[in-house]
Amino acid sequence: MAQISANGITLEYEVRGSGEPILFIMGLSGQLTDWPQEFIDMFVKRGHQVILFDNRDIGLSTKDTWEPPSQIATVASMLTRRPLKGVGYTVADMADDAAGLLAGLGVDAAHVVGISMGGMISQELAIRHPSRVRSLCSIMSNTGDRKRGGFTWRLIAKVGRPPEPDLATAVDEVAKINELISGPHYDSLEARSMIEKSIARNFSPDGVLRQTAAIAGSRDRTKLLRNVQAPTLVIHGLLDPLVKHSGGEATAAAVPNARLLSLPDMAHDLPRPRWSELCDAIAQNFSRADADTPVTV
């Protein structure tokens, strides 16, 4: 792992393999180490260079210092479908971070795969920096249209009001949430081991609140996505309680010629039994970009 200056901040990143580059963008509170090793290895074995990084405010990347709005204010803005005010950065700024990372690494363009909040960042990257994005894959995300792709009321009822973040209870609390939002293939022991490693690497509750506020304060990308030319694949689970399937449907409808892959046994997770299928589908989307690349004689 290494660090690089990008968009005025420092980003922790890791590069695996060699070949055609893929930029993987993690979701809310997720660190680069949260990508399943075996899943990433599938792409490396196919001859790709995989680029992973910690988004700002998480992992070993720069932590902002602005005071995040309260959890109540942030959730209220989502429930009332009104953009949150007073945020220090938005998803668009995080997309500029990703573009800066690619530039710093000397990568002119990459295939981009984003999950959850990372899907939102990926969409903004394709909007704001189209020449950097060879193909786009948005996984269990939404367009920022607050009428589609929100969380279910059943999930809110189960979660209730989360306690103040505390290092001593962090693993239990994250494990509880993960189990609520995951599908039938969820492995609690494997997940807990990963959670323990992530929290040992970095515990940044204020950073998570700032990232959440950034999502709540970001714009609706629906109309802007109509201009995206990169071949786009949208992947979404039919069981997702955190970002309902309507978010994936809206994303696929917004991007011209986008393809939607809906999985009946997937919630807000990457189910292991589906990894090979997901890898194949994402690679097929890469090939659409290759087919559109003009041949220079």
C-alpha atoms as a PDB file:
ATOM      1  CA  MET A   1       0.000   0.000   0.000  1.00  0.00           C
ATOM      2  CA  ALA A   2       1.067   3.597  -0.569  1.00  0.00           C
ATOM      3  CA  GLN A   3      -0.186   7.157  -0.423  1.00  0.00           C
ATOM      4  CA  ILE A   4      -0.617   9.835  -3.064  1.00  0.00           C
ATOM      5  CA  SER A   5      -1.732  13.473  -3.151  1.00  0.00           C
ATOM      6  CA  ALA A   6      -4.958  13.912  -5.088  1.00  0.00           C
ATOM      7  CA  ASN A   7      -7.438  16.783  -5.253  1.00  0.00           C
ATOM      8  CA  GLY A   8      -5.749  18.530  -2.320  1.00  0.00           C
ATOM      9  CA  ILE A   9      -5.867  15.522   0.032  1.00  0.00           C
ATOM     10  CA  THR A  10      -3.905  12.338   0.649  1.00  0.00           C
ATOM     11  CA  LEU A  11      -5.338   8.999  -0.447  1.00  0.00           C
ATOM     12  CA  GLU A  12      -4.191   5.569   0.679  1.00  0.00           C
ATOM     13  CA  TYR A  13      -4.193   3.165  -2.250  1.00  0.00           C
ATOM     14  CA  GLU A  14      -3.078  -0.266  -3.378  1.00  0.00           C
ATOM     15  CA  VAL A  15      -2.372  -1.617  -6.851  1.00  0.00           C
ATOM     16  CA  ARG A  16      -2.602  -5.330  -7.618  1.00  0.00           C
ATOM     17  CA  GLY A  17      -1.696  -7.111 -10.824  1.00  0.00           C
ATOM     18  CA  SER A  18      -0.923  -5.615 -14.209  1.00  0.00           C
ATOM     19  CA  GLY A  19      -2.774  -4.981 -17.438  1.00  0.00           C
ATOM     20  CA  GLU A  20      -5.881  -2.965 -18.255  1.00  0.00           C
ATOM     21  CA  PRO A  21      -6.721  -0.919 -15.109  1.00  0.00           C
ATOM     22  CA  ILE A  22      -9.870  -1.197 -13.026  1.00  0.00           C
ATOM     23  CA  LEU A  23     -10.661   1.327 -10.315  1.00  0.00           C
ATOM     24  CA  PHE A  24     -12.754  -0.155  -7.509  1.00  0.00           C
ATOM     25  CA  ILE A  25     -14.572   2.407  -5.333  1.00  0.00           C
ATOM     26  CA  MET A  26     -15.800   1.300  -1.923  1.00  0.00           C
ATOM     27  CA  GLY A  27     -19.018   2.373  -0.213  1.00  0.00           C
ATOM     28  CA  LEU A  28     -19.948   4.181   2.990  1.00  0.00           C
ATOM     29  CA  SER A  29     -17.496   3.464   5.831  1.00  0.00           C
ATOM     30  CA  GLY A  30     -15.772   0.828   3.706  1.00  0.00           C
ATOM     31  CA  GLN A  31     -11.990   0.635   3.488  1.00  0.00           C
ATOM     32  CA  LEU A  32      -9.965  -0.695   0.569  1.00  0.00           C
ATOM     33  CA  THR A  33      -9.303  -3.812   2.636  1.00  0.00           C
ATOM     34  CA  ASP A  34     -13.056  -4.538   2.748  1.00  0.00           C
ATOM     35  CA  TRP A  35     -13.100  -5.731  -0.848  1.00  0.00           C
ATOM     36  CA  PRO A  36     -13.082  -9.558  -0.650  1.00  0.00           C
ATOM     37  CA  GLN A  37      -9.590 -10.739  -1.597  1.00  0.00           C
ATOM     38  CA  GLU A  38     -10.845 -13.679  -3.657  1.00  0.00           C
ATOM     39  CA  PHE A  39     -13.288 -11.478  -5.579  1.00  0.00           C
ATOM     40  CA  ILE A  40     -10.553  -8.996  -6.490  1.00  0.00           C
ATOM     41  CA  ASP A  41      -8.184 -11.845  -7.411  1.00  0.00           C
ATOM     42  CA  MET A  42     -10.681 -12.973 -10.056  1.00  0.00           C
ATOM     43  CA  PHE A  43      -9.991  -9.764 -11.978  1.00  0.00           C
ATOM     44  CA  VAL A  44      -6.239  -9.903 -11.428  1.00  0.00           C
ATOM     45  CA  LYS A  45      -6.178 -13.448 -12.826  1.00  0.00           C
ATOM     46  CA  ARG A  46      -8.004 -12.184 -15.924  1.00  0.00           C
ATOM     47  CA  GLY A  47      -5.043  -9.886 -16.612  1.00  0.00           C
ATOM     48  CA  HIS A  48      -6.196  -6.627 -15.056  1.00  0.00           C
ATOM     49  CA  GLN A  49      -4.468  -4.085 -12.902  1.00  0.00           C
ATOM     50  CA  VAL A  50      -6.722  -3.484  -9.905  1.00  0.00           C
ATOM     51  CA  ILE A  51      -6.607  -0.121  -8.126  1.00  0.00           C
ATOM     52  CA  LEU A  52      -8.130   0.073  -4.634  1.00  0.00           C
ATOM     53  CA  PHE A  53      -8.197   3.077  -2.330  1.00  0.00           C
ATOM     54  CA  ASP A  54      -9.605   4.491   0.885  1.00  0.00           C
ATOM     55  CA  ASN A  55     -12.118   7.262   0.267  1.00  0.00           C
ATOM     56  CA  ARG A  56     -11.525  10.456   2.202  1.00  0.00           C
ATOM     57  CA  ASP A  57     -12.538  10.289   5.866  1.00  0.00           C
ATOM     58  CA  ILE A  58     -11.999   6.549   6.142  1.00  0.00           C
ATOM     59  CA  GLY A  59      -9.120   4.107   6.417  1.00  0.00           C
ATOM     60  CA  LEU A  60      -5.702   5.740   6.124  1.00  0.00           C
ATOM     61  CA  SER A  61      -6.723   8.586   3.807  1.00  0.00           C
ATOM     62  CA  THR A  62      -7.115  12.231   4.873  1.00  0.00           C
ATOM     63  CA  LYS A  63      -9.702  12.914   7.574  1.00  0.00           C
ATOM     64  CA  ASP A  64     -11.713  16.117   7.236  1.00  0.00           C
ATOM     65  CA  THR A  65     -12.326  18.276  10.301  1.00  0.00           C
ATOM     66  CA  TRP A  66     -15.728  19.891   9.724  1.00  0.00           C
ATOM     67  CA  GLU A  67     -18.382  19.038  12.264  1.00  0.00           C
ATOM     68  CA  PRO A  68     -20.844  16.558  10.754  1.00  0.00           C
ATOM     69  CA  PRO A  69     -24.566  17.135  11.237  1.00  0.00           C
ATOM     70  CA  SER A  70     -26.212  14.958  13.847  1.00  0.00           C
ATOM     71  CA  GLN A  71     -27.442  11.503  12.877  1.00  0.00           C
ATOM     72  CA  ILE A  72     -30.991  12.708  13.460  1.00  0.00           C
ATOM     73  CA  ALA A  73     -30.566  15.657  11.080  1.00  0.00           C
ATOM     74  CA  THR A  74     -29.003  13.477   8.394  1.00  0.00           C
ATOM     75  CA  VAL A  75     -31.658  10.754   8.586  1.00  0.00           C
ATOM     76  CA  ALA A  76     -34.396  13.401   8.681  1.00  0.00           C
ATOM     77  CA  SER A  77     -33.093  14.924   5.443  1.00  0.00           C
ATOM     78  CA  MET A  78     -33.256  11.503   3.781  1.00  0.00           C
ATOM     79  CA  LEU A  79     -36.745  10.788   5.075  1.00  0.00           C
ATOM     80  CA  THR A  80     -38.042  14.194   3.969  1.00  0.00           C
ATOM     81  CA  ARG A  81     -36.155  13.883   0.653  1.00  0.00           C
ATOM     82  CA  ARG A  82     -34.510  17.258   1.113  1.00  0.00           C
ATOM     83  CA  PRO A  83     -30.770  17.758   0.487  1.00  0.00           C
ATOM     84  CA  LEU A  84     -28.820  18.172   3.717  1.00  0.00           C
ATOM     85  CA  LYS A  85     -27.329  21.625   4.210  1.00  0.00           C
ATOM     86  CA  GLY A  86     -23.983  22.550   5.701  1.00  0.00           C
ATOM     87  CA  VAL A  87     -21.902  19.628   4.436  1.00  0.00           C
ATOM     88  CA  GLY A  88     -18.167  20.073   3.853  1.00  0.00           C
ATOM     89  CA  TYR A  89     -18.046  17.962   0.711  1.00  0.00           C
ATOM     90  CA  THR A  90     -20.349  15.920  -1.489  1.00  0.00           C
ATOM     91  CA  VAL A  91     -20.182  12.788  -3.607  1.00  0.00           C
ATOM     92  CA  ALA A  92     -19.023  14.980  -6.509  1.00  0.00           C
ATOM     93  CA  ASP A  93     -15.947  16.047  -4.519  1.00  0.00           C
ATOM     94  CA  MET A  94     -15.196  12.397  -3.809  1.00  0.00           C
ATOM     95  CA  ALA A  95     -15.375  11.714  -7.551  1.00  0.00           C
ATOM     96  CA  ASP A  96     -12.782  14.435  -8.060  1.00  0.00           C
ATOM     97  CA  ASP A  97     -10.625  12.585  -5.502  1.00  0.00           C
ATOM     98  CA  ALA A  98     -10.867   9.433  -7.633  1.00  0.00           C
ATOM     99  CA  ALA A  99     -10.004  11.355 -10.800  1.00  0.00           C
ATOM    100  CA  GLY A 100      -7.016  12.858  -9.008  1.00  0.00           C
ATOM    101  CA  LEU A 101      -5.869   9.405  -7.953  1.00  0.00           C
ATOM    102  CA  LEU A 102      -5.959   8.138 -11.539  1.00  0.00           C
ATOM    103  CA  ALA A 103      -4.083  11.208 -12.730  1.00  0.00           C
ATOM    104  CA  GLY A 104      -1.483  10.809 -10.011  1.00  0.00           C
ATOM    105  CA  LEU A 105      -0.938   7.185 -10.977  1.00  0.00           C
ATOM    106  CA  GLY A 106      -0.574   8.127 -14.634  1.00  0.00           C
ATOM    107  CA  VAL A 107      -3.741   6.241 -15.622  1.00  0.00           C
ATOM    108  CA  ASP A 108      -5.507   8.076 -18.428  1.00  0.00           C
ATOM    109  CA  ALA A 109      -8.685   5.995 -18.177  1.00  0.00           C
ATOM    110  CA  ALA A 110      -9.896   2.949 -16.276  1.00  0.00           C
ATOM    111  CA  HIS A 111     -12.876   0.676 -15.997  1.00  0.00           C
ATOM    112  CA  VAL A 112     -14.713   1.847 -12.883  1.00  0.00           C
ATOM    113  CA  VAL A 113     -16.605  -0.379 -10.455  1.00  0.00           C
ATOM    114  CA  GLY A 114     -18.348   1.254  -7.506  1.00  0.00           C
ATOM    115  CA  ILE A 115     -20.419  -0.274  -4.737  1.00  0.00           C
ATOM    116  CA  SER A 116     -23.175   1.539  -2.772  1.00  0.00           C
ATOM    117  CA  MET A 117     -21.788   5.046  -2.070  1.00  0.00           C
ATOM    118  CA  GLY A 118     -18.957   4.009  -4.369  1.00  0.00           C
ATOM    119  CA  GLY A 119     -21.563   3.572  -7.106  1.00  0.00           C
ATOM    120  CA  MET A 120     -22.649   7.162  -6.545  1.00  0.00           C
ATOM    121  CA  ILE A 121     -19.028   8.316  -6.726  1.00  0.00           C
ATOM    122  CA  SER A 122     -18.540   6.257  -9.899  1.00  0.00           C
ATOM    123  CA  GLN A 123     -21.549   7.896 -11.510  1.00  0.00           C
ATOM    124  CA  GLU A 124     -20.209  11.352 -10.677  1.00  0.00           C
ATOM    125  CA  LEU A 125     -16.811  10.341 -12.034  1.00  0.00           C
ATOM    126  CA  ALA A 126     -18.437   9.409 -15.350  1.00  0.00           C
ATOM    127  CA  ILE A 127     -20.354  12.707 -15.335  1.00  0.00           C
ATOM    128  CA  ARG A 128     -17.518  15.021 -14.300  1.00  0.00           C
ATOM    129  CA  HIS A 129     -14.541  13.211 -15.838  1.00  0.00           C
ATOM    130  CA  PRO A 130     -15.913  11.184 -18.762  1.00  0.00           C
ATOM    131  CA  SER A 131     -12.521  10.684 -20.406  1.00  0.00           C
ATOM    132  CA  ARG A 132     -11.317   8.857 -17.288  1.00  0.00           C
ATOM    133  CA  VAL A 133     -14.060   6.210 -17.413  1.00  0.00           C
ATOM    134  CA  ARG A 134     -13.796   3.407 -20.005  1.00  0.00           C
ATOM    135  CA  SER A 135     -16.767   1.546 -18.582  1.00  0.00           C
ATOM    136  CA  LEU A 136     -18.990   1.962 -15.555  1.00  0.00           C
ATOM    137  CA  CYS A 137     -20.399  -0.611 -13.153  1.00  0.00           C
ATOM    138  CA  SER A 138     -22.709   0.717 -10.436  1.00  0.00           C
ATOM    139  CA  ILE A 139     -23.521  -1.871  -7.772  1.00  0.00           C
ATOM    140  CA  MET A 140     -26.422  -1.560  -5.266  1.00  0.00           C
ATOM    141  CA  SER A 141     -26.553   2.218  -5.616  1.00  0.00           C
ATOM    142  CA  ASN A 142     -28.920   4.950  -6.816  1.00  0.00           C
ATOM    143  CA  THR A 143     -28.990   8.179  -8.820  1.00  0.00           C
ATOM    144  CA  GLY A 144     -29.555  10.552  -5.927  1.00  0.00           C
ATOM    145  CA  ASP A 145     -33.244  10.766  -6.824  1.00  0.00           C
ATOM    146  CA  ARG A 146     -34.713  10.684  -3.326  1.00  0.00           C
ATOM    147  CA  LYS A 147     -37.898   9.001  -4.513  1.00  0.00           C
ATOM    148  CA  ARG A 148     -36.071   5.840  -5.602  1.00  0.00           C
ATOM    149  CA  GLY A 149     -33.487   3.614  -4.023  1.00  0.00           C
ATOM    150  CA  GLY A 150     -34.018   4.620  -0.403  1.00  0.00           C
ATOM    151  CA  PHE A 151     -33.992   2.384   2.654  1.00  0.00           C
ATOM    152  CA  THR A 152     -36.999   0.404   3.827  1.00  0.00           C
ATOM    153  CA  TRP A 153     -39.038   1.410   6.857  1.00  0.00           C
ATOM    154  CA  ARG A 154     -38.655  -2.137   8.147  1.00  0.00           C
ATOM    155  CA  LEU A 155     -34.883  -1.626   8.319  1.00  0.00           C
ATOM    156  CA  ILE A 156     -35.287   1.647  10.217  1.00  0.00           C
ATOM    157  CA  ALA A 157     -37.563  -0.080  12.704  1.00  0.00           C
ATOM    158  CA  LYS A 158     -35.007  -2.833  13.304  1.00  0.00           C
ATOM    159  CA  VAL A 159     -32.022  -0.504  13.602  1.00  0.00           C
ATOM    160  CA  GLY A 160     -33.701   2.082  15.778  1.00  0.00           C
ATOM    161  CA  ARG A 161     -31.504   4.915  16.985  1.00  0.00           C
ATOM    162  CA  PRO A 162     -27.882   3.687  16.901  1.00  0.00           C
ATOM    163  CA  PRO A 163     -25.775   4.286  20.023  1.00  0.00           C
ATOM    164  CA  GLU A 164     -22.892   6.722  20.110  1.00  0.00           C
ATOM    165  CA  PRO A 165     -19.869   5.134  18.378  1.00  0.00           C
ATOM    166  CA  ASP A 166     -17.527   3.452  20.816  1.00  0.00           C
ATOM    167  CA  LEU A 167     -14.438   1.407  20.013  1.00  0.00           C
ATOM    168  CA  ALA A 168     -15.348  -1.220  22.605  1.00  0.00           C
ATOM    169  CA  THR A 169     -18.719  -1.954  20.983  1.00  0.00           C
ATOM    170  CA  ALA A 170     -17.943  -1.056  17.371  1.00  0.00           C
ATOM    171  CA  VAL A 171     -17.494  -4.613  16.106  1.00  0.00           C
ATOM    172  CA  ASP A 172     -20.821  -5.745  17.579  1.00  0.00           C
ATOM    173  CA  GLU A 173     -22.696  -2.740  16.218  1.00  0.00           C
ATOM    174  CA  VAL A 174     -21.275  -3.024  12.701  1.00  0.00           C
ATOM    175  CA  ALA A 175     -21.914  -6.780  12.682  1.00  0.00           C
ATOM    176  CA  LYS A 176     -25.522  -6.155  13.698  1.00  0.00           C
ATOM    177  CA  ILE A 177     -26.092  -3.707  10.853  1.00  0.00           C
ATOM    178  CA  ASN A 178     -24.332  -5.902   8.313  1.00  0.00           C
ATOM    179  CA  GLU A 179     -26.506  -8.861   9.194  1.00  0.00           C
ATOM    180  CA  LEU A 180     -29.658  -6.768   8.809  1.00  0.00           C
ATOM    181  CA  ILE A 181     -28.755  -5.513   5.350  1.00  0.00           C
ATOM    182  CA  SER A 182     -27.255  -8.729   3.955  1.00  0.00           C
ATOM    183  CA  GLY A 183     -28.916 -11.584   2.126  1.00  0.00           C
ATOM    184  CA  PRO A 184     -29.262 -15.338   2.732  1.00  0.00           C
ATOM    185  CA  HIS A 185     -25.615 -16.113   1.926  1.00  0.00           C
ATOM    186  CA  TYR A 186     -24.296 -13.916   4.733  1.00  0.00           C
ATOM    187  CA  ASP A 187     -21.506 -15.624   6.702  1.00  0.00           C
ATOM    188  CA  SER A 188     -21.510 -14.037  10.158  1.00  0.00           C
ATOM    189  CA  LEU A 189     -18.156 -15.517  11.235  1.00  0.00           C
ATOM    190  CA  GLU A 190     -16.359 -14.472   8.071  1.00  0.00           C
ATOM    191  CA  ALA A 191     -17.969 -11.022   8.216  1.00  0.00           C
ATOM    192  CA  ARG A 192     -17.049 -10.510  11.863  1.00  0.00           C
ATOM    193  CA  SER A 193     -13.421 -11.365  11.156  1.00  0.00           C
ATOM    194  CA  MET A 194     -13.318  -8.745   8.395  1.00  0.00           C
ATOM    195  CA  ILE A 195     -15.018  -6.159  10.615  1.00  0.00           C
ATOM    196  CA  GLU A 196     -12.472  -6.733  13.378  1.00  0.00           C
ATOM    197  CA  LYS A 197      -9.591  -6.225  10.944  1.00  0.00           C
ATOM    198  CA  SER A 198     -11.136  -3.063   9.505  1.00  0.00           C
ATOM    199  CA  ILE A 199     -11.742  -1.444  12.878  1.00  0.00           C
ATOM    200  CA  ALA A 200      -8.236  -2.380  14.027  1.00  0.00           C
ATOM    201  CA  ARG A 201      -6.877  -0.689  10.892  1.00  0.00           C
ATOM    202  CA  ASN A 202      -8.892   2.481  11.420  1.00  0.00           C
ATOM    203  CA  PHE A 203     -11.804   3.584  13.609  1.00  0.00           C
ATOM    204  CA  SER A 204     -13.278   6.845  12.329  1.00  0.00           C
ATOM    205  CA  PRO A 205     -16.895   7.326  13.457  1.00  0.00           C
ATOM    206  CA  ASP A 206     -16.897  11.057  12.657  1.00  0.00           C
ATOM    207  CA  GLY A 207     -15.605  10.224   9.191  1.00  0.00           C
ATOM    208  CA  VAL A 208     -18.519   7.855   8.653  1.00  0.00           C
ATOM    209  CA  LEU A 209     -20.931  10.585   9.740  1.00  0.00           C
ATOM    210  CA  ARG A 210     -19.308  13.021   7.303  1.00  0.00           C
ATOM    211  CA  GLN A 211     -19.550  10.509   4.464  1.00  0.00           C
ATOM    212  CA  THR A 212     -23.210   9.919   5.315  1.00  0.00           C
ATOM    213  CA  ALA A 213     -23.806  13.671   5.317  1.00  0.00           C
ATOM    214  CA  ALA A 214     -22.043  13.919   1.943  1.00  0.00           C
ATOM    215  CA  ILE A 215     -24.530  11.446   0.479  1.00  0.00           C
ATOM    216  CA  ALA A 216     -27.489  13.304   2.006  1.00  0.00           C
ATOM    217  CA  GLY A 217     -26.165  16.628   0.701  1.00  0.00           C
ATOM    218  CA  SER A 218     -25.466  15.477  -2.856  1.00  0.00           C
ATOM    219  CA  ARG A 219     -27.399  16.302  -5.980  1.00  0.00           C
ATOM    220  CA  ASP A 220     -29.802  14.217  -8.017  1.00  0.00           C
ATOM    221  CA  ARG A 221     -27.704  12.853 -10.906  1.00  0.00           C
ATOM    222  CA  THR A 222     -30.592  11.495 -13.006  1.00  0.00           C
ATOM    223  CA  LYS A 223     -30.582  14.095 -15.796  1.00  0.00           C
ATOM    224  CA  LEU A 224     -26.795  14.298 -15.880  1.00  0.00           C
ATOM    225  CA  LEU A 225     -26.501  10.537 -16.282  1.00  0.00           C
ATOM    226  CA  ARG A 226     -28.274  10.822 -19.629  1.00  0.00           C
ATOM    227  CA  ASN A 227     -25.018  12.203 -21.041  1.00  0.00           C
ATOM    228  CA  VAL A 228     -22.874   9.268 -19.897  1.00  0.00           C
ATOM    229  CA  GLN A 229     -21.428   7.454 -22.910  1.00  0.00           C
ATOM    230  CA  ALA A 230     -19.398   4.794 -21.102  1.00  0.00           C
ATOM    231  CA  PRO A 231     -20.842   1.263 -21.385  1.00  0.00           C
ATOM    232  CA  THR A 232     -22.720   0.805 -18.122  1.00  0.00           C
ATOM    233  CA  LEU A 233     -23.730  -2.197 -16.087  1.00  0.00           C
ATOM    234  CA  VAL A 234     -26.008  -1.812 -13.067  1.00  0.00           C
ATOM    235  CA  ILE A 235     -26.072  -4.631 -10.501  1.00  0.00           C
ATOM    236  CA  HIS A 236     -28.650  -4.735  -7.728  1.00  0.00           C
ATOM    237  CA  GLY A 237     -30.126  -7.239  -5.315  1.00  0.00           C
ATOM    238  CA  LEU A 238     -33.873  -7.697  -5.174  1.00  0.00           C
ATOM    239  CA  LEU A 239     -33.625  -8.115  -1.377  1.00  0.00           C
ATOM    240  CA  ASP A 240     -31.706  -4.902  -0.663  1.00  0.00           C
ATOM    241  CA  PRO A 241     -33.271  -3.072   2.341  1.00  0.00           C
ATOM    242  CA  LEU A 242     -30.704  -0.247   2.501  1.00  0.00           C
ATOM    243  CA  VAL A 243     -30.827   0.877  -1.137  1.00  0.00           C
ATOM    244  CA  LYS A 244     -34.011  -0.557  -2.574  1.00  0.00           C
ATOM    245  CA  HIS A 245     -33.968  -2.193  -5.993  1.00  0.00           C
ATOM    246  CA  SER A 246     -35.752   0.835  -7.441  1.00  0.00           C
ATOM    247  CA  GLY A 247     -32.395   2.642  -7.155  1.00  0.00           C
ATOM    248  CA  GLY A 248     -30.816   0.200  -9.568  1.00  0.00           C
ATOM    249  CA  GLU A 249     -33.798   0.422 -11.906  1.00  0.00           C
ATOM    250  CA  ALA A 250     -33.570   4.226 -11.903  1.00  0.00           C
ATOM    251  CA  THR A 251     -29.820   4.126 -12.600  1.00  0.00           C
ATOM    252  CA  ALA A 252     -30.210   1.734 -15.524  1.00  0.00           C
ATOM    253  CA  ALA A 253     -33.044   3.847 -16.921  1.00  0.00           C
ATOM    254  CA  ALA A 254     -31.026   7.056 -16.642  1.00  0.00           C
ATOM    255  CA  VAL A 255     -27.871   5.928 -18.476  1.00  0.00           C
ATOM    256  CA  PRO A 256     -28.280   5.339 -22.223  1.00  0.00           C
ATOM    257  CA  ASN A 257     -27.981   1.668 -23.189  1.00  0.00           C
ATOM    258  CA  ALA A 258     -27.244   0.598 -19.612  1.00  0.00           C
ATOM    259  CA  ARG A 259     -27.809  -3.025 -18.659  1.00  0.00           C
ATOM    260  CA  LEU A 260     -29.422  -4.107 -15.392  1.00  0.00           C
ATOM    261  CA  LEU A 261     -28.515  -7.336 -13.624  1.00  0.00           C
ATOM    262  CA  SER A 262     -30.940  -8.079 -10.782  1.00  0.00           C
ATOM    263  CA  LEU A 263     -30.144 -10.915  -8.388  1.00  0.00           C
ATOM    264  CA  PRO A 264     -32.942 -12.546  -6.356  1.00  0.00           C
ATOM    265  CA  ASP A 265     -30.641 -13.764  -3.563  1.00  0.00           C
ATOM    266  CA  MET A 266     -28.632 -10.559  -3.111  1.00  0.00           C
ATOM    267  CA  ALA A 267     -29.331  -7.792  -0.614  1.00  0.00           C
ATOM    268  CA  HIS A 268     -26.834  -5.062   0.304  1.00  0.00           C
ATOM    269  CA  ASP A 269     -23.870  -7.395   0.014  1.00  0.00           C
ATOM    270  CA  LEU A 270     -21.757  -9.353  -2.455  1.00  0.00           C
ATOM    271  CA  PRO A 271     -22.936 -12.955  -2.035  1.00  0.00           C
ATOM    272  CA  ARG A 272     -20.023 -15.376  -2.426  1.00  0.00           C
ATOM    273  CA  PRO A 273     -21.961 -17.898  -4.568  1.00  0.00           C
ATOM    274  CA  ARG A 274     -22.494 -15.098  -7.112  1.00  0.00           C
ATOM    275  CA  TRP A 275     -18.889 -13.875  -7.364  1.00  0.00           C
ATOM    276  CA  SER A 276     -18.034 -15.793 -10.522  1.00  0.00           C
ATOM    277  CA  GLU A 277     -21.249 -14.651 -12.221  1.00  0.00           C
ATOM    278  CA  LEU A 278     -20.651 -11.052 -11.160  1.00  0.00           C
ATOM    279  CA  CYS A 279     -17.080 -11.133 -12.397  1.00  0.00           C
ATOM    280  CA  ASP A 280     -18.211 -12.497 -15.766  1.00  0.00           C
ATOM    281  CA  ALA A 281     -20.918  -9.835 -16.101  1.00  0.00           C
ATOM    282  CA  ILE A 282     -18.529  -7.004 -15.206  1.00  0.00           C
ATOM    283  CA  ALA A 283     -15.888  -8.335 -17.603  1.00  0.00           C
ATOM    284  CA  GLN A 284     -18.507  -8.523 -20.347  1.00  0.00           C
ATOM    285  CA  ASN A 285     -19.225  -4.851 -19.743  1.00  0.00           C
ATOM    286  CA  PHE A 286     -15.494  -4.154 -20.122  1.00  0.00           C
ATOM    287  CA  SER A 287     -15.637  -5.815 -23.535  1.00  0.00           C
ATOM    288  CA  ARG A 288     -18.366  -3.392 -24.616  1.00  0.00           C
ATOM    289  CA  ALA A 289     -15.858  -0.578 -24.063  1.00  0.00           C
ATOM    290  CA  ASP A 290     -13.215  -2.476 -26.043  1.00  0.00           C
ATOM    291  CA  ALA A 291     -15.673  -2.925 -28.910  1.00  0.00           C
ATOM    292  CA  ASP A 292     -16.372   0.813 -28.947  1.00  0.00           C
ATOM    293  CA  THR A 293     -12.664   1.727 -29.024  1.00  0.00           C
ATOM    294  CA  PRO A 294     -11.667   2.917 -32.519  1.00  0.00           C
ATOM    295  CA  VAL A 295      -8.782   1.088 -34.180  1.00  0.00           C
ATOM    296  CA  THR A 296      -5.849   3.317 -35.089  1.00  0.00           C
ATOM    297  CA  VAL A 297      -3.925   2.324 -38.209  1.00  0.00           C
END
